[in-house]
PDB file of N, CA and C in Angstrom:
ATOM      1  N   MET A   1     196.568  52.909  35.445  1.00  0.00           N
ATOM      2  CA  MET A   1     198.040  52.415  35.280  1.00  0.00           C
ATOM      3  C   MET A   1     197.779  50.858  34.041  1.00  0.00           C
ATOM      4  N   GLU A   2     196.732  50.085  34.453  1.00  0.00           N
ATOM      5  CA  GLU A   2     196.600  49.118  33.718  1.00  0.00           C
ATOM      6  C   GLU A   2     197.883  48.068  33.392  1.00  0.00           C
ATOM      7  N   ASN A   3     198.601  47.528  34.570  1.00  0.00           N
ATOM      8  CA  ASN A   3     199.836  46.760  34.300  1.00  0.00           C
ATOM      9  C   ASN A   3     201.211  47.762  33.763  1.00  0.00           C
ATOM     10  N   ARG A   4     200.648  49.282  33.965  1.00  0.00           N
ATOM     11  CA  ARG A   4     201.854  49.935  33.448  1.00  0.00           C
ATOM     12  C   ARG A   4     202.615  50.384  34.849  1.00  0.00           C
ATOM     13  N   GLU A   5     203.780  50.838  34.532  1.00  0.00           N
ATOM     14  CA  GLU A   5     204.620  51.561  35.796  1.00  0.00           C
ATOM     15  C   GLU A   5     204.427  52.962  35.968  1.00  0.00           C
ATOM     16  N   CYS A   6     204.277  53.231  36.925  1.00  0.00           N
ATOM     17  CA  CYS A   6     204.263  54.902  36.993  1.00  0.00           C
ATOM     18  C   CYS A   6     205.549  55.385  36.553  1.00  0.00           C
ATOM     19  N   LEU A   7     205.228  56.599  36.075  1.00  0.00           N
ATOM     20  CA  LEU A   7     206.925  57.342  35.199  1.00  0.00           C
ATOM     21  C   LEU A   7     207.391  57.874  36.278  1.00  0.00           C
ATOM     22  N   LYS A   8     207.243  58.011  37.404  1.00  0.00           N
ATOM     23  CA  LYS A   8     207.901  58.941  38.332  1.00  0.00           C
ATOM     24  C   LYS A   8     208.735  57.917  39.447  1.00  0.00           C
ATOM     25  N   CYS A   9     208.026  56.848  39.565  1.00  0.00           N
ATOM     26  CA  CYS A   9     208.740  55.923  40.947  1.00  0.00           C
ATOM     27  C   CYS A   9     208.782  54.325  40.521  1.00  0.00           C
ATOM     28  N   GLY A  10     207.837  53.851  39.397  1.00  0.00           N
ATOM     29  CA  GLY A  10     207.822  52.500  38.834  1.00  0.00           C
ATOM     30  C   GLY A  10     206.866  51.730  39.238  1.00  0.00           C
ATOM     31  N   SER A  11     206.044  52.202  40.295  1.00  0.00           N
ATOM     32  CA  SER A  11     205.312  51.270  41.225  1.00  0.00           C
ATOM     33  C   SER A  11     204.065  50.908  39.800  1.00  0.00           C
ATOM     34  N   THR A  12     203.753  49.822  40.178  1.00  0.00           N
ATOM     35  CA  THR A  12     202.440  49.287  39.222  1.00  0.00           C
ATOM     36  C   THR A  12     201.000  49.459  39.962  1.00  0.00           C
ATOM     37  N   GLU A  13     201.060  49.899  41.642  1.00  0.00           N
ATOM     38  CA  GLU A  13     199.669  49.981  42.061  1.00  0.00           C
ATOM     39  C   GLU A  13     199.002  51.282  41.713  1.00  0.00           C
ATOM     40  N   GLU A  14     197.936  51.109  41.481  1.00  0.00           N
ATOM     41  CA  GLU A  14     196.724  52.164  41.095  1.00  0.00           C
ATOM     42  C   GLU A  14     195.793  52.326  42.189  1.00  0.00           C
ATOM     43  N   GLY A  15     195.367  53.761  42.188  1.00  0.00           N
ATOM     44  CA  GLY A  15     194.057  53.910  43.239  1.00  0.00           C
ATOM     45  C   GLY A  15     193.183  54.824  41.766  1.00  0.00           C
ATOM     46  N   THR A  16     191.807  54.803  42.043  1.00  0.00           N
ATOM     47  CA  THR A  16     190.982  55.464  41.488  1.00  0.00           C
ATOM     48  C   THR A  16     190.044  56.505  42.113  1.00  0.00           C
ATOM     49  N   ASP A  17     190.034  57.919  41.997  1.00  0.00           N
ATOM     50  CA  ASP A  17     189.043  58.462  42.727  1.00  0.00           C
ATOM     51  C   ASP A  17     188.096  59.317  41.886  1.00  0.00           C
ATOM     52  N   TYR A  18     186.880  59.609  42.139  1.00  0.00           N
ATOM     53  CA  TYR A  18     185.722  60.015  41.421  1.00  0.00           C
ATOM     54  C   TYR A  18     185.424  61.535  42.217  1.00  0.00           C
ATOM     55  N   MET A  19     185.109  62.497  41.023  1.00  0.00           N
ATOM     56  CA  MET A  19     184.522  63.621  41.446  1.00  0.00           C
ATOM     57  C   MET A  19     183.717  63.985  40.724  1.00  0.00           C
ATOM     58  N   PRO A  20     182.102  64.176  41.340  1.00  0.00           N
ATOM     59  CA  PRO A  20     180.851  64.596  40.820  1.00  0.00           C
ATOM     60  C   PRO A  20     180.892  65.810  39.846  1.00  0.00           C
ATOM     61  N   ILE A  21     180.897  66.187  38.645  1.00  0.00           N
ATOM     62  CA  ILE A  21     180.546  67.306  37.706  1.00  0.00           C
ATOM     63  C   ILE A  21     179.014  67.669  37.334  1.00  0.00           C
ATOM     64  N   LYS A  22     178.839  68.743  37.110  1.00  0.00           N
ATOM     65  CA  LYS A  22     177.528  69.121  36.067  1.00  0.00           C
ATOM     66  C   LYS A  22     178.091  70.034  35.355  1.00  0.00           C
ATOM     67  N   ASN A  23     177.010  70.334  34.418  1.00  0.00           N
ATOM     68  CA  ASN A  23     177.428  71.152  33.036  1.00  0.00           C
ATOM     69  C   ASN A  23     177.187  72.549  33.480  1.00  0.00           C
ATOM     70  N   SER A  24     176.320  72.346  34.554  1.00  0.00           N
ATOM     71  CA  SER A  24     175.483  73.947  35.088  1.00  0.00           C
ATOM     72  C   SER A  24     175.189  73.875  36.654  1.00  0.00           C
ATOM     73  N   LYS A  25     175.133  74.753  37.472  1.00  0.00           N
ATOM     74  CA  LYS A  25     174.366  74.185  38.706  1.00  0.00           C
ATOM     75  C   LYS A  25     173.424  74.109  38.972  1.00  0.00           C
ATOM     76  N   MET A  26     172.431  74.251  37.719  1.00  0.00           N
ATOM     77  CA  MET A  26     171.012  74.133  37.583  1.00  0.00           C
ATOM     78  C   MET A  26     170.695  72.599  37.256  1.00  0.00           C
ATOM     79  N   SER A  27     171.933  71.979  36.750  1.00  0.00           N
ATOM     80  CA  SER A  27     171.544  70.832  35.867  1.00  0.00           C
ATOM     81  C   SER A  27     171.184  69.725  36.954  1.00  0.00           C
ATOM     82  N   MET A  28     170.379  68.721  36.323  1.00  0.00           N
ATOM     83  CA  MET A  28     169.950  67.387  37.303  1.00  0.00           C
ATOM     84  C   MET A  28     170.553  66.471  36.576  1.00  0.00           C
ATOM     85  N   SER A  29     171.136  66.204  35.491  1.00  0.00           N
ATOM     86  CA  SER A  29     172.174  65.232  35.035  1.00  0.00           C
ATOM     87  C   SER A  29     173.587  65.602  35.346  1.00  0.00           C
ATOM     88  N   GLY A  30     174.661  64.627  35.333  1.00  0.00           N
ATOM     89  CA  GLY A  30     176.025  64.907  35.530  1.00  0.00           C
ATOM     90  C   GLY A  30     176.851  63.522  35.124  1.00  0.00           C
ATOM     91  N   GLY A  31     177.919  63.713  35.739  1.00  0.00           N
ATOM     92  CA  GLY A  31     178.817  62.442  35.320  1.00  0.00           C
ATOM     93  C   GLY A  31     180.253  62.401  36.504  1.00  0.00           C
ATOM     94  N   ASN A  32     181.063  61.902  36.015  1.00  0.00           N
ATOM     95  CA  ASN A  32     182.019  61.816  37.201  1.00  0.00           C
ATOM     96  C   ASN A  32     183.901  62.715  36.254  1.00  0.00           C
ATOM     97  N   LYS A  33     184.466  63.293  36.927  1.00  0.00           N
ATOM     98  CA  LYS A  33     185.818  63.023  36.563  1.00  0.00           C
ATOM     99  C   LYS A  33     186.443  62.248  37.390  1.00  0.00           C
ATOM    100  N   ILE A  34     186.981  61.507  36.378  1.00  0.00           N
ATOM    101  CA  ILE A  34     187.942  60.052  37.200  1.00  0.00           C
ATOM    102  C   ILE A  34     189.513  60.271  37.074  1.00  0.00           C
ATOM    103  N   TYR A  35     190.101  60.146  38.152  1.00  0.00           N
ATOM    104  CA  TYR A  35     191.364  60.397  38.405  1.00  0.00           C
ATOM    105  C   TYR A  35     191.886  58.747  38.395  1.00  0.00           C
ATOM    106  N   THR A  36     193.183  58.657  37.845  1.00  0.00           N
ATOM    107  CA  THR A  36     193.628  57.408  38.364  1.00  0.00           C
ATOM    108  C   THR A  36     195.355  57.908  38.818  1.00  0.00           C
ATOM    109  N   PHE A  37     195.799  57.434  39.586  1.00  0.00           N
ATOM    110  CA  PHE A  37     196.707  57.967  40.210  1.00  0.00           C
ATOM    111  C   PHE A  37     197.839  56.527  40.689  1.00  0.00           C
ATOM    112  N   CYS A  38     199.041  57.077  40.926  1.00  0.00           N
ATOM    113  CA  CYS A  38     200.009  55.915  41.771  1.00  0.00           C
ATOM    114  C   CYS A  38     199.734  55.791  43.183  1.00  0.00           C
ATOM    115  N   LEU A  39     199.476  54.479  43.640  1.00  0.00           N
ATOM    116  CA  LEU A  39     199.302  54.655  45.300  1.00  0.00           C
ATOM    117  C   LEU A  39     200.786  54.505  45.748  1.00  0.00           C
ATOM    118  N   GLU A  40     201.596  54.546  45.253  1.00  0.00           N
ATOM    119  CA  GLU A  40     203.143  54.690  46.044  1.00  0.00           C
ATOM    120  C   GLU A  40     203.247  56.482  45.993  1.00  0.00           C
ATOM    121  N   CYS A  41     203.299  56.905  44.971  1.00  0.00           N
ATOM    122  CA  CYS A  41     203.929  58.217  44.899  1.00  0.00           C
ATOM    123  C   CYS A  41     202.655  59.585  44.934  1.00  0.00           C
ATOM    124  N   GLY A  42     201.577  58.925  44.245  1.00  0.00           N
ATOM    125  CA  GLY A  42     200.764  59.777  44.287  1.00  0.00           C
ATOM    126  C   GLY A  42     200.727  60.526  42.663  1.00  0.00           C
ATOM    127  N   GLU A  43     201.565  60.439  41.864  1.00  0.00           N
ATOM    128  CA  GLU A  43     201.296  60.629  40.453  1.00  0.00           C
ATOM    129  C   GLU A  43     200.000  60.712  39.671  1.00  0.00           C
ATOM    130  N   VAL A  44     199.658  61.275  39.367  1.00  0.00           N
ATOM    131  CA  VAL A  44     198.312  61.158  38.565  1.00  0.00           C
ATOM    132  C   VAL A  44     198.568  60.430  36.909  1.00  0.00           C
ATOM    133  N   ASP A  45     197.855  59.429  36.612  1.00  0.00           N
ATOM    134  CA  ASP A  45     198.400  58.920  35.484  1.00  0.00           C
ATOM    135  C   ASP A  45     197.315  59.342  34.705  1.00  0.00           C
ATOM    136  N   SER A  46     195.974  59.560  34.936  1.00  0.00           N
ATOM    137  CA  SER A  46     194.999  59.916  33.554  1.00  0.00           C
ATOM    138  C   SER A  46     194.021  60.819  34.521  1.00  0.00           C
ATOM    139  N   ILE A  47     193.213  61.571  34.013  1.00  0.00           N
ATOM    140  CA  ILE A  47     191.922  62.114  34.182  1.00  0.00           C
ATOM    141  C   ILE A  47     191.268  62.136  33.088  1.00  0.00           C
ATOM    142  N   ARG A  48     189.595  61.832  33.282  1.00  0.00           N
ATOM    143  CA  ARG A  48     189.035  61.553  31.678  1.00  0.00           C
ATOM    144  C   ARG A  48     188.017  61.643  32.930  1.00  0.00           C
ATOM    145  N   ILE A  49     186.748  62.331  31.843  1.00  0.00           N
ATOM    146  CA  ILE A  49     185.050  62.577  31.934  1.00  0.00           C
ATOM    147  C   ILE A  49     184.351  61.354  31.453  1.00  0.00           C
ATOM    148  N   GLU A  50     183.217  60.946  32.412  1.00  0.00           N
ATOM    149  CA  GLU A  50     182.281  60.384  32.143  1.00  0.00           C
ATOM    150  C   GLU A  50     181.397  60.682  31.890  1.00  0.00           C
ATOM    151  N   ASN A  51     180.823  60.451  30.730  1.00  0.00           N
ATOM    152  CA  ASN A  51     179.085  60.934  30.343  1.00  0.00           C
ATOM    153  C   ASN A  51     179.678  62.278  29.652  1.00  0.00           C
ATOM    154  N   THR A  52     180.191  62.521  28.623  1.00  0.00           N
ATOM    155  CA  THR A  52     180.760  63.527  27.859  1.00  0.00           C
ATOM    156  C   THR A  52     179.341  64.244  27.308  1.00  0.00           C
ATOM    157  N   GLU A  53     178.050  63.369  27.010  1.00  0.00           N
ATOM    158  CA  GLU A  53     177.666  64.054  26.615  1.00  0.00           C
ATOM    159  C   GLU A  53     176.475  65.032  26.881  1.00  0.00           C
ATOM    160  N   ILE A  54     176.909  65.340  28.510  1.00  0.00           N
ATOM    161  CA  ILE A  54     176.385  66.464  28.877  1.00  0.00           C
ATOM    162  C   ILE A  54     176.861  67.677  28.869  1.00  0.00           C
ATOM    163  N   PHE A  55     177.970  67.793  28.198  1.00  0.00           N
ATOM    164  CA  PHE A  55     178.294  68.978  27.662  1.00  0.00           C
ATOM    165  C   PHE A  55     178.176  69.568  26.569  1.00  0.00           C
ATOM    166  N   ARG A  56     177.556  68.705  25.717  1.00  0.00           N
ATOM    167  CA  ARG A  56     177.284  69.170  24.415  1.00  0.00           C
ATOM    168  C   ARG A  56     176.326  69.893  24.190  1.00  0.00           C
ATOM    169  N   LYS A  57     176.026  70.936  23.401  1.00  0.00           N
ATOM    170  CA  LYS A  57     174.806  71.886  23.032  1.00  0.00           C
ATOM    171  C   LYS A  57     173.900  71.307  22.212  1.00  0.00           C
ATOM    172  N   LYS A  58     172.850  71.283  22.549  1.00  0.00           N
ATOM    173  CA  LYS A  58     171.651  70.575  21.702  1.00  0.00           C
ATOM    174  C   LYS A  58     171.035  71.757  20.815  1.00  0.00           C
TER     175      LYS A  58
END
């Protein structure tokens, strides 16, 4: 939220959670799915993928 207000409740407190992801079960490399959310009401502000290169076909 970076000094932004939550659209649902107006709070400016945010939290972040990470979920590891891979492009296949056999892959050794991966990245994270990053969730940014309001600590007051739980509204998710953004979801982004770290290291998108692992999903590009070579």
